[in-house]
C-alpha atoms as a PDB file:
ATOM      1  CA  MET A   1     -84.653-151.187 -97.553  1.00  0.00           C
ATOM      2  CA  ALA A   2     -87.952-151.247 -95.836  1.00  0.00           C
ATOM      3  CA  ARG A   3     -88.217-147.402 -95.831  1.00  0.00           C
ATOM      4  CA  GLN A   4     -87.919-147.314 -99.871  1.00  0.00           C
ATOM      5  CA  HIS A   5     -90.823-149.678 -99.895  1.00  0.00           C
ATOM      6  CA  LYS A   6     -92.886-147.491 -97.790  1.00  0.00           C
ATOM      7  CA  GLN A   7     -92.132-144.315 -99.962  1.00  0.00           C
ATOM      8  CA  GLN A   8     -93.068-146.279-103.175  1.00  0.00           C
ATOM      9  CA  SER A   9     -96.380-147.300-101.555  1.00  0.00           C
ATOM     10  CA  MET A  10     -97.253-143.652-100.340  1.00  0.00           C
ATOM     11  CA  ARG A  11     -96.047-142.442-103.824  1.00  0.00           C
ATOM     12  CA  ASN A  12     -98.548-144.956-105.533  1.00  0.00           C
ATOM     13  CA  LEU A  13    -101.473-143.996-103.035  1.00  0.00           C
ATOM     14  CA  LYS A  14    -101.075-140.365-103.968  1.00  0.00           C
ATOM     15  CA  SER A  15    -100.979-141.275-107.699  1.00  0.00           C
ATOM     16  CA  SER A  16    -104.062-143.396-107.306  1.00  0.00           C
ATOM     17  CA  GLY A  17    -106.180-140.966-105.328  1.00  0.00           C
ATOM     18  CA  TRP A  18    -105.105-138.278-107.850  1.00  0.00           C
ATOM     19  CA  LYS A  19    -106.506-140.450-110.728  1.00  0.00           C
ATOM     20  CA  ALA A  20    -109.428-141.313-108.835  1.00  0.00           C
ATOM     21  CA  ALA A  21    -109.951-137.280-108.201  1.00  0.00           C
ATOM     22  CA  GLN A  22    -109.451-136.514-111.757  1.00  0.00           C
ATOM     23  CA  PHE A  23    -112.141-139.565-112.906  1.00  0.00           C
ATOM     24  CA  THR A  24    -114.512-138.053-110.226  1.00  0.00           C
ATOM     25  CA  GLY A  25    -114.012-134.623-111.554  1.00  0.00           C
ATOM     26  CA  ARG A  26    -114.477-135.533-115.274  1.00  0.00           C
ATOM     27  CA  THR A  27    -117.651-137.670-114.613  1.00  0.00           C
ATOM     28  CA  LEU A  28    -119.339-135.120-112.774  1.00  0.00           C
ATOM     29  CA  ASP A  29    -118.794-132.477-115.294  1.00  0.00           C
ATOM     30  CA  LYS A  30    -120.152-134.449-118.014  1.00  0.00           C
ATOM     31  CA  THR A  31    -123.200-135.615-115.728  1.00  0.00           C
ATOM     32  CA  ILE A  32    -123.806-132.043-114.786  1.00  0.00           C
ATOM     33  CA  SER A  33    -123.545-130.479-118.166  1.00  0.00           C
ATOM     34  CA  GLY A  34    -125.684-133.501-119.674  1.00  0.00           C
ATOM     35  CA  LEU A  35    -128.262-132.899-117.212  1.00  0.00           C
ATOM     36  CA  PHE A  36    -128.325-128.942-117.632  1.00  0.00           C
ATOM     37  CA  ARG A  37    -128.484-129.483-121.457  1.00  0.00           C
ATOM     38  CA  TRP A  38    -131.459-131.873-121.083  1.00  0.00           C
ATOM     39  CA  LEU A  39    -133.351-129.589-118.406  1.00  0.00           C
ATOM     40  CA  THR A  40    -132.928-126.287-120.807  1.00  0.00           C
ATOM     41  CA  THR A  41    -134.364-128.501-123.951  1.00  0.00           C
ATOM     42  CA  ASP A  42    -137.842-127.826-124.880  1.00  0.00           C
ATOM     43  CA  HIS A  43    -139.435-131.309-124.251  1.00  0.00           C
ATOM     44  CA  SER A  44    -143.019-130.076-124.913  1.00  0.00           C
ATOM     45  CA  GLY A  45    -142.587-128.649-128.473  1.00  0.00           C
ATOM     46  CA  ILE A  46    -144.164-125.121-127.090  1.00  0.00           C
ATOM     47  CA  SER A  47    -141.512-123.460-128.986  1.00  0.00           C
ATOM     48  CA  ARG A  48    -142.164-125.190-132.407  1.00  0.00           C
ATOM     49  CA  MET A  49    -145.905-124.577-131.588  1.00  0.00           C
ATOM     50  CA  LEU A  50    -145.260-120.627-130.976  1.00  0.00           C
ATOM     51  CA  THR A  51    -143.144-120.447-134.235  1.00  0.00           C
ATOM     52  CA  LEU A  52    -146.161-122.005-136.050  1.00  0.00           C
ATOM     53  CA  MET A  53    -148.998-119.919-134.625  1.00  0.00           C
ATOM     54  CA  PRO A  54    -150.298-117.098-136.669  1.00  0.00           C
ATOM     55  CA  ASP A  55    -149.484-113.503-135.528  1.00  0.00           C
ATOM     56  CA  MET A  56    -152.459-112.032-133.280  1.00  0.00           C
ATOM     57  CA  GLY A  57    -153.370-108.436-133.557  1.00  0.00           C
ATOM     58  CA  PHE A  58    -153.479-106.000-130.454  1.00  0.00           C
ATOM     59  CA  TRP A  59    -157.086-106.483-129.566  1.00  0.00           C
ATOM     60  CA  ASP A  60    -156.760-110.273-130.103  1.00  0.00           C
ATOM     61  CA  SER A  61    -154.298-110.398-127.796  1.00  0.00           C
ATOM     62  CA  VAL A  62    -155.987-108.225-125.277  1.00  0.00           C
ATOM     63  CA  LYS A  63    -159.093-110.656-125.715  1.00  0.00           C
ATOM     64  CA  TYR A  64    -156.985-113.885-124.820  1.00  0.00           C
ATOM     65  CA  ALA A  65    -155.317-112.242-121.904  1.00  0.00           C
ATOM     66  CA  LEU A  66    -158.494-111.309-120.501  1.00  0.00           C
ATOM     67  CA  MET A  67    -160.038-114.523-121.187  1.00  0.00           C
ATOM     68  CA  ARG A  68    -157.007-116.301-119.232  1.00  0.00           C
ATOM     69  CA  PHE A  69    -157.515-113.632-116.490  1.00  0.00           C
ATOM     70  CA  LEU A  70    -161.111-114.422-116.087  1.00  0.00           C
ATOM     71  CA  ILE A  71    -160.715-118.153-116.278  1.00  0.00           C
ATOM     72  CA  THR A  72    -158.061-117.848-113.341  1.00  0.00           C
ATOM     73  CA  ILE A  73    -160.541-116.028-111.383  1.00  0.00           C
ATOM     74  CA  ALA A  74    -163.323-118.368-111.791  1.00  0.00           C
ATOM     75  CA  CYS A  75    -160.830-121.200-110.664  1.00  0.00           C
ATOM     76  CA  ILE A  76    -160.046-119.233-107.756  1.00  0.00           C
ATOM     77  CA  VAL A  77    -163.540-118.725-106.736  1.00  0.00           C
ATOM     78  CA  LEU A  78    -164.537-122.512-107.266  1.00  0.00           C
ATOM     79  CA  GLN A  79    -161.578-123.443-104.938  1.00  0.00           C
ATOM     80  CA  ILE A  80    -162.716-121.223-102.153  1.00  0.00           C
ATOM     81  CA  VAL A  81    -166.384-122.567-102.502  1.00  0.00           C
ATOM     82  CA  TRP A  82    -164.656-126.092-102.585  1.00  0.00           C
ATOM     83  CA  LEU A  83    -162.788-125.354 -99.273  1.00  0.00           C
ATOM     84  CA  TYR A  84    -165.755-123.740 -97.801  1.00  0.00           C
ATOM     85  CA  LEU A  85    -167.685-127.005 -98.353  1.00  0.00           C
ATOM     86  CA  ILE A  86    -165.192-129.169 -97.241  1.00  0.00           C
ATOM     87  CA  ILE A  87    -164.269-127.324 -93.931  1.00  0.00           C
ATOM     88  CA  PHE A  88    -167.639-126.094 -92.834  1.00  0.00           C
ATOM     89  CA  HIS A  89    -170.037-129.106 -93.919  1.00  0.00           C
ATOM     90  CA  GLY A  90    -167.647-131.872 -94.669  1.00  0.00           C
ATOM     91  CA  LEU A  91    -165.359-131.876 -91.582  1.00  0.00           C
ATOM     92  CA  PRO A  92    -168.290-131.894 -88.958  1.00  0.00           C
ATOM     93  CA  LEU A  93    -170.052-134.791 -90.615  1.00  0.00           C
ATOM     94  CA  LEU A  94    -166.690-136.597 -90.589  1.00  0.00           C
ATOM     95  CA  LEU A  95    -166.287-135.678 -86.942  1.00  0.00           C
ATOM     96  CA  ASN A  96    -169.945-136.830 -85.987  1.00  0.00           C
ATOM     97  CA  ILE A  97    -169.747-140.372 -87.522  1.00  0.00           C
END
């Protein structure tokens, strides 16, 4: 009689473990798919802005790309100058104090 009770408790344990695994699987599936759906959604509105933007000709596109390139180069040069000033002039001043 005790043996049947032990088998019944093992069966209940297996059954509840399987239910917990199913619940965990379903919950993870819903969470991950919701997260990826949220990540792939355009929250900034850039896609709507791009559809509303007027068409640019070839030369306008070239000028736009060139302007972006020049701005990027100018920012890089400013960063190099800033780092030079901080490392070679600011650091010795801080170490002398």
